[in-house]
């Protein structure tokens, strides 16, 4: 978080010219170099993958594990749920496995990892690493995956299934992602420029992030942020496998649901972290939708110029950006923005701004029309 705050304050991007091993695409990526130095402990060797390495690194950040230990001590590990979001899970390990087939076309023993070559790998690995015994789910809905974890966690708490939930998301770069998006003609050779008239595609990145959720009543006796998940909305318009609905109907529905659950009017939202991938279609549709639904005074930006599009981790990562803005009052600009596309009716700036925020929103819209919208509020206001 300290590094994130410093990068935000100085508008220092984490994007770099593509140096992912084995990939020669001319583009920029958001790569986490520390993954390459991570060594799995012998008892965890069977869990080896790039994605799991990033999860382990993410869980070491800040005071997360201390806070989790406090919750386990209070409720017991069986009452702590885990909801992870991912898009690729550990496809990186699958790619490596196929590169090591033996002469008979069989996988070597070290790649026979049923809990890793598995869409549920992120949730399983978190439980293994932290010793958590409660309900466990991994959401795979493309780019909305780790936004939807908040909604699932909130429902589990409301239903009394658990007393606390560790929510998170992780996605790492791999050949399938880089060449797959290139085949869709969505990857830019330059640093991405969300909402700019000259934008020409996305940059891909990798990230992991986590948050702990408890019921409001249970938060009184433990250290917490003073921030509440006040609303969430989910929709699936299924318009097209990869192209968003041309009028953003599914996105609109998710936003309306979140506002209704929070009991807020659009004008009460102070800042929106937009999905804002820098693709021609996504920015045009989302920008005009948000411009029509919210007043011009609502601050809005895309933070993909710092990180690239982290796919299944985008929801949790950009929720953290929104939460940090709510806490600090530093509203990130839209990095690399020279001039908003004149065909997009939304107001935004490349420059950071400062403002006292009460309610913030984060949008995550995925392939297949999987949409999620989250609203976070200062708890004393939302209560």
Protein backbone atom coordinates (compact mmCIF):
# COMPACT_ATOMS: atom_id res chain seq x y z
CA UNK A 1 0.00 0.00 0.00
CA UNK A 2 2.89 2.38 0.70
CA UNK A 3 4.24 1.81 -2.81
CA UNK A 4 0.78 2.25 -4.30
CA UNK A 5 0.27 5.54 -2.46
CA UNK A 6 3.64 6.85 -3.59
CA UNK A 7 2.97 5.89 -7.21
CA UNK A 8 -0.45 7.54 -7.12
CA UNK A 9 0.85 10.74 -5.58
CA UNK A 10 3.64 11.13 -8.15
CA UNK A 11 1.65 9.70 -11.09
CA UNK A 12 4.34 7.06 -11.59
CA UNK A 13 3.06 4.22 -13.75
CA UNK A 14 3.94 0.59 -13.16
CA UNK A 15 3.78 -0.19 -16.89
CA UNK A 16 6.95 -1.26 -18.70
CA UNK A 17 7.82 -2.31 -22.26
CA UNK A 18 6.87 -5.96 -22.67
CA UNK A 19 9.57 -8.16 -21.15
CA UNK A 20 7.47 -11.19 -20.32
CA UNK A 21 9.54 -14.33 -21.01
CA UNK A 22 8.79 -15.97 -24.33
CA UNK A 23 6.54 -13.17 -25.58
CA UNK A 24 7.72 -10.78 -28.27
CA UNK A 25 4.57 -8.71 -28.70
CA UNK A 26 5.29 -4.97 -29.00
CA UNK A 27 3.24 -3.67 -26.09
CA UNK A 28 3.47 -2.46 -22.49
CA UNK A 29 2.66 -4.63 -19.50
CA UNK A 30 2.18 -4.32 -15.76
CA UNK A 31 4.51 -7.09 -14.54
CA UNK A 32 5.31 -7.81 -10.87
CA UNK A 33 9.06 -8.60 -10.81
CA UNK A 34 8.98 -10.06 -7.27
CA UNK A 35 7.10 -13.10 -8.58
CA UNK A 36 10.25 -14.27 -10.36
CA UNK A 37 12.15 -14.40 -7.05
CA UNK A 38 9.47 -16.18 -5.03
CA UNK A 39 10.44 -19.65 -3.78
CA UNK A 40 7.75 -22.05 -2.55
CA UNK A 41 8.50 -23.71 0.78
CA UNK A 42 9.08 -27.50 0.41
CA UNK A 43 5.71 -28.33 1.98
CA UNK A 44 4.02 -26.06 -0.61
CA UNK A 45 5.95 -27.25 -3.66
CA UNK A 46 2.87 -29.01 -5.03
CA UNK A 47 1.13 -25.60 -5.24
CA UNK A 48 3.73 -24.02 -7.51
CA UNK A 49 2.46 -21.59 -10.14
CA UNK A 50 3.01 -17.96 -11.02
CA UNK A 51 -0.49 -17.09 -9.89
CA UNK A 52 -0.07 -18.78 -6.52
CA UNK A 53 3.26 -17.04 -6.02
CA UNK A 54 1.54 -13.68 -6.48
CA UNK A 55 -1.22 -14.69 -4.05
CA UNK A 56 1.40 -15.58 -1.44
CA UNK A 57 3.16 -12.25 -1.96
CA UNK A 58 -0.13 -10.38 -1.72
CA UNK A 59 -1.04 -12.04 1.54
CA UNK A 60 2.23 -10.85 3.07
CA UNK A 61 1.39 -7.18 2.57
CA UNK A 62 0.43 -4.79 5.35
CA UNK A 63 -1.40 -6.03 8.42
CA UNK A 64 -3.80 -8.40 6.65
CA UNK A 65 -2.64 -11.57 8.38
CA UNK A 66 -2.62 -9.92 11.81
CA UNK A 67 -6.20 -8.77 11.29
CA UNK A 68 -7.17 -12.20 10.02
CA UNK A 69 -5.61 -13.87 13.07
CA UNK A 70 -7.73 -11.60 15.27
CA UNK A 71 -10.88 -12.72 13.45
CA UNK A 72 -9.89 -16.41 13.62
CA UNK A 73 -9.30 -16.04 17.34
CA UNK A 74 -12.75 -14.55 17.78
CA UNK A 75 -14.85 -16.67 15.43
CA UNK A 76 -12.77 -19.77 14.66
CA UNK A 77 -11.32 -20.70 11.27
CA UNK A 78 -14.45 -22.61 10.20
CA UNK A 79 -16.47 -19.39 10.40
CA UNK A 80 -14.12 -17.46 8.08
CA UNK A 81 -15.16 -17.64 4.42
CA UNK A 82 -12.89 -17.22 1.42
CA UNK A 83 -14.13 -15.77 -1.88
CA UNK A 84 -11.48 -15.31 -4.55
CA UNK A 85 -11.81 -13.91 -8.05
CA UNK A 86 -9.66 -14.85 -11.02
CA UNK A 87 -9.83 -15.12 -14.75
CA UNK A 88 -6.83 -17.28 -15.62
CA UNK A 89 -6.27 -19.01 -12.23
CA UNK A 90 -3.02 -20.92 -12.90
CA UNK A 91 -3.07 -21.21 -16.68
CA UNK A 92 0.59 -20.16 -16.52
CA UNK A 93 1.39 -23.52 -14.93
CA UNK A 94 -0.60 -25.36 -17.59
CA UNK A 95 1.42 -23.61 -20.30
CA UNK A 96 4.65 -24.63 -18.60
CA UNK A 97 3.41 -28.19 -18.23
CA UNK A 98 2.76 -28.52 -21.96
CA UNK A 99 6.26 -27.24 -22.68
CA UNK A 100 7.65 -30.14 -20.61
CA UNK A 101 5.76 -33.10 -22.07
CA UNK A 102 7.92 -36.20 -22.16
CA UNK A 103 8.65 -38.29 -25.26
CA UNK A 104 5.34 -40.12 -24.85
CA UNK A 105 3.43 -36.84 -24.61
CA UNK A 106 2.79 -37.28 -20.88
CA UNK A 107 3.12 -34.69 -18.14
CA UNK A 108 6.11 -35.08 -15.81
CA UNK A 109 5.15 -35.89 -12.22
CA UNK A 110 5.80 -32.38 -10.90
CA UNK A 111 3.02 -31.03 -13.13
CA UNK A 112 0.35 -33.46 -11.93
CA UNK A 113 -1.23 -30.79 -9.72
CA UNK A 114 -4.99 -31.31 -9.57
CA UNK A 115 -5.44 -28.39 -7.13
CA UNK A 116 -3.40 -26.03 -9.32
CA UNK A 117 -4.50 -26.91 -12.86
CA UNK A 118 -7.98 -26.01 -11.69
CA UNK A 119 -10.20 -22.90 -11.97
CA UNK A 120 -10.68 -23.02 -8.18
CA UNK A 121 -6.91 -22.92 -7.54
CA UNK A 122 -6.87 -19.41 -5.99
CA UNK A 123 -9.45 -20.24 -3.33
CA UNK A 124 -7.88 -23.61 -2.55
CA UNK A 125 -4.40 -22.13 -2.21
CA UNK A 126 -5.52 -19.30 0.08
CA UNK A 127 -7.20 -21.81 2.39
CA UNK A 128 -4.11 -24.03 2.37
CA UNK A 129 -1.74 -21.16 3.06
CA UNK A 130 -3.80 -19.59 5.85
CA UNK A 131 -5.36 -22.69 7.40
CA UNK A 132 -8.94 -21.53 6.83
CA UNK A 133 -11.72 -24.13 7.01
CA UNK A 134 -14.83 -22.14 6.14
CA UNK A 135 -16.84 -21.98 2.90
CA UNK A 136 -14.60 -21.35 -0.08
CA UNK A 137 -15.42 -20.16 -3.60
CA UNK A 138 -13.51 -18.89 -6.62
CA UNK A 139 -15.46 -16.64 -9.00
CA UNK A 140 -14.45 -16.76 -12.67
CA UNK A 141 -16.48 -14.16 -14.57
CA UNK A 142 -13.68 -12.52 -16.54
CA UNK A 143 -12.95 -8.92 -15.58
CA UNK A 144 -15.73 -8.63 -13.00
CA UNK A 145 -14.51 -11.65 -11.01
CA UNK A 146 -12.91 -9.95 -8.02
CA UNK A 147 -15.56 -7.24 -7.82
CA UNK A 148 -18.26 -9.88 -7.45
CA UNK A 149 -16.40 -11.37 -4.47
CA UNK A 150 -17.63 -8.46 -2.34
CA UNK A 151 -21.25 -9.20 -3.25
CA UNK A 152 -20.88 -12.91 -2.51
CA UNK A 153 -19.12 -12.18 0.78
CA UNK A 154 -21.84 -9.74 1.83
CA UNK A 155 -24.56 -12.31 1.06
CA UNK A 156 -22.76 -14.97 3.10
CA UNK A 157 -22.55 -12.59 6.06
CA UNK A 158 -26.18 -11.55 5.72
CA UNK A 159 -27.29 -15.20 5.58
CA UNK A 160 -25.26 -16.08 8.68
CA UNK A 161 -23.18 -18.68 6.82
CA UNK A 162 -19.95 -17.10 8.14
CA UNK A 163 -18.87 -14.37 10.55
CA UNK A 164 -16.07 -12.90 8.42
CA UNK A 165 -14.96 -13.23 4.81
CA UNK A 166 -11.56 -12.87 3.22
CA UNK A 167 -12.27 -11.59 -0.28
CA UNK A 168 -9.65 -11.14 -2.95
CA UNK A 169 -8.48 -11.71 -6.45
CA UNK A 170 -5.36 -12.62 -8.37
CA UNK A 171 -4.44 -12.90 -12.01
CA UNK A 172 -1.00 -13.18 -13.56
CA UNK A 173 0.35 -12.66 -17.02
CA UNK A 174 0.72 -15.67 -19.29
CA UNK A 175 1.03 -16.42 -22.98
CA UNK A 176 -2.67 -17.25 -23.31
CA UNK A 177 -3.64 -13.79 -22.03
CA UNK A 178 -1.08 -11.79 -24.00
CA UNK A 179 -1.55 -13.54 -27.33
CA UNK A 180 -5.26 -14.04 -26.78
CA UNK A 181 -5.98 -10.34 -26.41
CA UNK A 182 -3.60 -9.61 -29.27
CA UNK A 183 -5.65 -11.96 -31.48
CA UNK A 184 -8.71 -9.87 -30.63
CA UNK A 185 -6.81 -6.78 -31.85
CA UNK A 186 -7.25 -5.14 -28.45
CA UNK A 187 -3.61 -4.69 -27.37
CA UNK A 188 -1.88 -1.33 -27.76
CA UNK A 189 1.77 -0.99 -28.71
CA UNK A 190 1.95 2.14 -26.52
CA UNK A 191 1.04 2.93 -22.94
CA UNK A 192 -2.74 2.74 -22.73
CA UNK A 193 -4.72 6.00 -22.81
CA UNK A 194 -8.18 5.44 -21.32
CA UNK A 195 -10.92 7.69 -22.71
CA UNK A 196 -8.46 9.62 -24.88
CA UNK A 197 -9.48 10.35 -28.44
CA UNK A 198 -6.28 8.69 -29.67
CA UNK A 199 -6.59 5.53 -27.56
CA UNK A 200 -5.83 2.37 -29.50
CA UNK A 201 -6.09 -0.51 -27.07
CA UNK A 202 -5.28 -1.98 -23.71
CA UNK A 203 -2.16 -2.94 -21.76
CA UNK A 204 -2.28 -6.12 -19.71
CA UNK A 205 -1.09 -6.43 -16.16
CA UNK A 206 -1.04 -8.71 -13.13
CA UNK A 207 -2.12 -8.06 -9.56
CA UNK A 208 -3.38 -9.56 -6.33
CA UNK A 209 -5.43 -7.87 -3.64
CA UNK A 210 -7.38 -8.76 -0.52
CA UNK A 211 -9.89 -7.30 1.93
CA UNK A 212 -11.66 -8.52 5.06
CA UNK A 213 -15.40 -8.13 5.53
CA UNK A 214 -17.40 -8.44 8.75
CA UNK A 215 -20.91 -7.41 9.74
CA UNK A 216 -21.21 -3.85 10.96
CA UNK A 217 -22.21 -4.95 14.47
CA UNK A 218 -19.16 -7.20 14.74
CA UNK A 219 -16.80 -4.41 13.65
CA UNK A 220 -17.29 -2.43 16.84
CA UNK A 221 -14.80 -4.43 18.89
CA UNK A 222 -12.05 -4.79 16.30
CA UNK A 223 -9.79 -2.43 14.42
CA UNK A 224 -11.32 -1.54 11.07
CA UNK A 225 -11.17 1.05 8.32
CA UNK A 226 -14.41 2.86 9.09
CA UNK A 227 -15.56 2.03 5.55
CA UNK A 228 -18.71 0.12 4.67
CA UNK A 229 -19.72 -1.79 1.55
CA UNK A 230 -22.96 0.10 1.17
CA UNK A 231 -24.16 -1.22 -2.18
CA UNK A 232 -23.44 -3.68 -4.94
CA UNK A 233 -25.03 -4.59 -8.24
CA UNK A 234 -24.51 -7.49 -10.62
CA UNK A 235 -25.86 -8.25 -14.06
CA UNK A 236 -25.21 -10.50 -17.02
CA UNK A 237 -26.49 -9.13 -20.31
CA UNK A 238 -24.86 -11.89 -22.42
CA UNK A 239 -24.86 -9.55 -25.42
CA UNK A 240 -21.69 -10.94 -26.99
CA UNK A 241 -18.75 -13.13 -26.04
CA UNK A 242 -16.31 -10.19 -25.97
CA UNK A 243 -18.06 -6.97 -27.06
CA UNK A 244 -19.99 -4.94 -24.46
CA UNK A 245 -23.67 -4.20 -24.98
CA UNK A 246 -23.76 -1.17 -27.33
CA UNK A 247 -25.94 0.87 -24.96
CA UNK A 248 -24.37 -0.54 -21.80
CA UNK A 249 -27.68 -1.98 -20.58
CA UNK A 250 -26.10 -4.57 -18.32
CA UNK A 251 -23.71 -2.00 -16.89
CA UNK A 252 -26.61 0.37 -16.27
CA UNK A 253 -28.53 -2.33 -14.42
CA UNK A 254 -25.57 -3.12 -12.15
CA UNK A 255 -25.10 0.58 -11.33
CA UNK A 256 -28.81 1.07 -10.64
CA UNK A 257 -28.87 -1.97 -8.34
CA UNK A 258 -25.88 -0.70 -6.37
CA UNK A 259 -27.39 2.77 -5.98
CA UNK A 260 -30.73 1.33 -4.87
CA UNK A 261 -29.16 -0.96 -2.30
CA UNK A 262 -27.07 1.92 -0.91
CA UNK A 263 -30.11 4.21 -0.89
CA UNK A 264 -28.22 6.84 -2.86
CA UNK A 265 -28.98 9.11 -5.79
CA UNK A 266 -26.35 9.40 -8.55
CA UNK A 267 -25.47 12.93 -7.42
CA UNK A 268 -24.37 11.56 -4.03
CA UNK A 269 -21.53 9.54 -5.54
CA UNK A 270 -18.37 11.62 -5.17
CA UNK A 271 -15.93 9.54 -7.23
CA UNK A 272 -16.18 6.66 -9.72
CA UNK A 273 -13.28 4.38 -10.53
CA UNK A 274 -14.27 3.46 -14.08
CA UNK A 275 -13.60 0.14 -15.77
CA UNK A 276 -11.90 2.24 -18.47
CA UNK A 277 -9.75 -0.30 -20.30
CA UNK A 278 -8.72 2.08 -23.14
CA UNK A 279 -10.34 -0.07 -25.82
CA UNK A 280 -12.35 1.89 -28.37
CA UNK A 281 -15.69 0.21 -27.60
CA UNK A 282 -15.48 -0.14 -23.82
CA UNK A 283 -14.56 3.46 -23.09
CA UNK A 284 -17.13 4.85 -25.50
CA UNK A 285 -19.98 2.81 -24.02
CA UNK A 286 -19.05 3.19 -20.36
CA UNK A 287 -18.12 6.86 -20.66
CA UNK A 288 -21.39 7.86 -22.29
CA UNK A 289 -23.41 5.74 -19.88
CA UNK A 290 -21.77 7.29 -16.81
CA UNK A 291 -21.96 10.75 -18.39
CA UNK A 292 -25.70 10.35 -18.85
CA UNK A 293 -26.40 8.87 -15.40
CA UNK A 294 -24.24 11.12 -13.21
CA UNK A 295 -23.79 14.89 -12.99
CA UNK A 296 -20.70 16.46 -14.55
CA UNK A 297 -19.47 17.32 -11.04
CA UNK A 298 -18.95 13.62 -10.20
CA UNK A 299 -15.23 12.89 -10.24
CA UNK A 300 -14.34 9.94 -12.46
CA UNK A 301 -11.16 8.31 -13.72
CA UNK A 302 -9.60 5.09 -14.94
CA UNK A 303 -6.51 3.83 -13.11
CA UNK A 304 -5.48 1.34 -15.79
CA UNK A 305 -2.66 3.68 -16.86
CA UNK A 306 -0.90 2.75 -13.61
CA UNK A 307 -1.43 -1.02 -13.70
CA UNK A 308 -2.71 -2.13 -17.06
CA UNK A 309 -5.83 -4.29 -17.19
CA UNK A 310 -5.37 -7.02 -14.59
CA UNK A 311 -8.43 -8.99 -15.74
CA UNK A 312 -9.74 -11.16 -12.89
CA UNK A 313 -7.84 -9.03 -10.36
CA UNK A 314 -9.14 -5.70 -11.70
CA UNK A 315 -12.18 -5.64 -9.41
CA UNK A 316 -10.26 -5.97 -6.14
CA UNK A 317 -7.38 -3.79 -7.33
CA UNK A 318 -9.65 -0.93 -8.38
CA UNK A 319 -11.75 -1.31 -5.25
CA UNK A 320 -8.54 -0.71 -3.33
CA UNK A 321 -7.89 2.39 -5.43
CA UNK A 322 -11.40 3.62 -4.63
CA UNK A 323 -11.02 2.80 -0.92
CA UNK A 324 -7.70 4.63 -0.81
CA UNK A 325 -9.30 7.69 -2.43
CA UNK A 326 -12.11 7.55 0.14
CA UNK A 327 -9.59 7.39 2.98
CA UNK A 328 -6.99 9.88 1.77
CA UNK A 329 -9.00 12.30 -0.34
CA UNK A 330 -6.49 11.90 -3.19
CA UNK A 331 -8.49 11.25 -6.35
CA UNK A 332 -6.32 9.73 -9.10
CA UNK A 333 -6.42 11.26 -12.54
CA UNK A 334 -6.60 9.28 -15.76
CA UNK A 335 -2.95 8.71 -16.56
CA UNK A 336 -1.83 9.37 -20.16
CA UNK A 337 -5.03 11.29 -20.98
CA UNK A 338 -4.32 14.18 -23.36
CA UNK A 339 -7.90 14.99 -24.42
CA UNK A 340 -11.15 13.18 -23.74
CA UNK A 341 -12.60 11.66 -26.89
CA UNK A 342 -15.13 14.25 -28.17
CA UNK A 343 -17.58 11.38 -28.79
CA UNK A 344 -17.60 10.52 -25.07
CA UNK A 345 -19.82 12.75 -22.94
CA UNK A 346 -17.89 12.57 -19.68
CA UNK A 347 -15.67 14.99 -17.79
CA UNK A 348 -12.30 13.88 -16.46
CA UNK A 349 -8.72 15.02 -16.05
CA UNK A 350 -5.25 13.54 -16.27
CA UNK A 351 -4.33 15.38 -13.07
CA UNK A 352 -4.88 14.08 -9.55
CA UNK A 353 -7.33 16.05 -7.44
CA UNK A 354 -8.08 16.30 -3.74
CA UNK A 355 -11.60 16.17 -2.37
CA UNK A 356 -13.50 15.11 0.72
CA UNK A 357 -15.27 11.95 -0.36
CA UNK A 358 -18.20 10.23 1.32
CA UNK A 359 -19.37 7.67 -1.26
CA UNK A 360 -17.23 6.12 -4.01
CA UNK A 361 -18.07 3.64 -6.75
CA UNK A 362 -16.03 1.08 -8.67
CA UNK A 363 -17.13 -0.41 -12.00
CA UNK A 364 -15.96 -3.77 -13.37
CA UNK A 365 -17.36 -5.02 -16.66
CA UNK A 366 -16.27 -8.37 -18.07
CA UNK A 367 -16.48 -10.44 -21.24
CA UNK A 368 -19.81 -12.11 -21.85
CA UNK A 369 -21.66 -9.18 -20.29
CA UNK A 370 -20.69 -9.98 -16.69
CA UNK A 371 -21.02 -6.63 -14.91
CA UNK A 372 -20.45 -5.59 -11.32
CA UNK A 373 -20.67 -2.26 -9.51
CA UNK A 374 -19.60 -1.58 -5.92
CA UNK A 375 -20.27 1.40 -3.66
CA UNK A 376 -18.15 2.07 -0.57
CA UNK A 377 -19.08 4.69 2.03
CA UNK A 378 -17.80 6.14 5.24
CA UNK A 379 -19.43 3.90 7.82
CA UNK A 380 -20.67 6.71 10.03
CA UNK A 381 -22.57 8.11 7.05
CA UNK A 382 -23.84 4.81 5.65
CA UNK A 383 -25.07 3.47 9.00
